[in-house]
Protein backbone atom coordinates (compact mmCIF):
# COMPACT_ATOMS: atom_id res chain seq x y z
CA UNK A 1 -63.38 -11.31 -17.65
CA UNK A 2 -64.73 -11.86 -14.17
CA UNK A 3 -62.35 -11.49 -11.22
CA UNK A 4 -63.86 -14.69 -9.83
CA UNK A 5 -62.99 -16.84 -12.82
CA UNK A 6 -59.46 -17.79 -11.79
CA UNK A 7 -60.39 -18.69 -8.17
CA UNK A 8 -63.30 -20.78 -9.51
CA UNK A 9 -61.03 -22.52 -12.01
CA UNK A 10 -58.62 -23.42 -9.20
CA UNK A 11 -61.48 -24.65 -7.01
CA UNK A 12 -62.96 -26.68 -9.88
CA UNK A 13 -59.59 -28.22 -10.66
CA UNK A 14 -59.07 -29.21 -7.03
CA UNK A 15 -62.63 -30.34 -6.22
CA UNK A 16 -63.37 -32.10 -9.51
CA UNK A 17 -59.95 -33.53 -10.24
CA UNK A 18 -59.78 -31.85 -13.64
CA UNK A 19 -56.46 -30.37 -14.70
CA UNK A 20 -56.66 -26.58 -14.92
CA UNK A 21 -55.47 -26.75 -18.52
CA UNK A 22 -58.45 -28.97 -19.38
CA UNK A 23 -61.01 -26.51 -17.99
CA UNK A 24 -62.63 -24.44 -20.72
CA UNK A 25 -64.48 -21.71 -18.82
CA UNK A 26 -67.07 -21.37 -21.56
CA UNK A 27 -68.01 -25.04 -21.94
CA UNK A 28 -71.21 -26.15 -20.21
CA UNK A 29 -70.60 -28.14 -17.03
CA UNK A 30 -72.02 -31.29 -18.67
CA UNK A 31 -69.40 -31.05 -21.43
CA UNK A 32 -66.71 -30.83 -18.75
CA UNK A 33 -67.92 -34.24 -17.57
CA UNK A 34 -69.89 -33.14 -14.52
CA UNK A 35 -73.00 -35.13 -13.72
CA UNK A 36 -75.74 -33.66 -11.54
CA UNK A 37 -74.29 -34.99 -8.27
CA UNK A 38 -70.81 -33.68 -9.07
CA UNK A 39 -72.32 -30.30 -9.92
CA UNK A 40 -74.24 -30.12 -6.64
CA UNK A 41 -71.08 -31.00 -4.69
CA UNK A 42 -69.14 -28.36 -6.62
CA UNK A 43 -71.81 -25.73 -5.91
CA UNK A 44 -71.60 -26.55 -2.20
CA UNK A 45 -67.82 -26.11 -2.36
CA UNK A 46 -68.28 -22.72 -4.08
CA UNK A 47 -70.80 -21.65 -1.43
CA UNK A 48 -68.42 -22.68 1.36
CA UNK A 49 -65.41 -21.01 -0.26
CA UNK A 50 -67.13 -17.66 -0.87
CA UNK A 51 -69.71 -17.66 1.97
CA UNK A 52 -72.70 -17.24 -0.35
CA UNK A 53 -75.93 -19.07 -1.17
CA UNK A 54 -76.35 -20.05 -4.82
CA UNK A 55 -79.81 -20.59 -6.27
CA UNK A 56 -79.46 -23.68 -8.49
CA UNK A 57 -81.94 -22.39 -11.09
CA UNK A 58 -80.06 -19.09 -11.32
CA UNK A 59 -76.73 -20.90 -11.73
CA UNK A 60 -78.14 -23.08 -14.51
CA UNK A 61 -79.13 -20.08 -16.62
CA UNK A 62 -75.48 -19.91 -17.69
CA UNK A 63 -74.07 -23.34 -16.76
CA UNK A 64 -70.39 -22.58 -17.33
CA UNK A 65 -67.51 -21.55 -15.09
CA UNK A 66 -67.60 -18.11 -16.70
CA UNK A 67 -71.33 -17.78 -16.00
CA UNK A 68 -70.88 -19.02 -12.44
CA UNK A 69 -68.05 -16.52 -11.90
CA UNK A 70 -70.35 -13.67 -12.90
CA UNK A 71 -73.07 -14.96 -10.57
CA UNK A 72 -70.64 -15.38 -7.65
CA UNK A 73 -69.36 -11.82 -8.13
CA UNK A 74 -72.93 -10.51 -8.05
CA UNK A 75 -73.83 -12.53 -4.95
CA UNK A 76 -70.72 -11.33 -3.12
CA UNK A 77 -71.49 -7.73 -4.05
CA UNK A 78 -75.07 -8.12 -2.80
CA UNK A 79 -74.08 -9.83 0.47
CA UNK A 80 -73.20 -6.67 2.47
CA UNK A 81 -76.46 -5.01 1.45
CA UNK A 82 -78.46 -8.08 2.46
CA UNK A 83 -76.67 -8.26 5.81
CA UNK A 84 -77.56 -4.62 6.46
CA UNK A 85 -81.18 -5.14 5.44
CA UNK A 86 -80.90 -2.84 2.43
CA UNK A 87 -81.55 -3.61 -1.20
CA UNK A 88 -78.58 -3.59 -3.52
CA UNK A 89 -78.66 -1.26 -6.49
CA UNK A 90 -78.69 -3.38 -9.63
CA UNK A 91 -77.95 -1.73 -12.94
CA UNK A 92 -80.39 -2.46 -15.71
CA UNK A 93 -79.64 -2.36 -19.39
């Protein structure tokens, strides 16, 4: 499980007005009741909270809280390398 999942669940609960117990981290955002505007607002809140930039297309490849948590972790890990002008090492399978 991603270390970012719990902070994202708390943020989603607060920003979207959904009780934490009603948030299934593996359900697509649409099934959680988010329309496109709500999702954009939530993504902005995530960006502000974690000081990252999220590519919408990348986030929609796995449109769940669990998928977003994995993406946020990767973006945070890459941020220091980008700030230093170096490329992050990304493991390939």
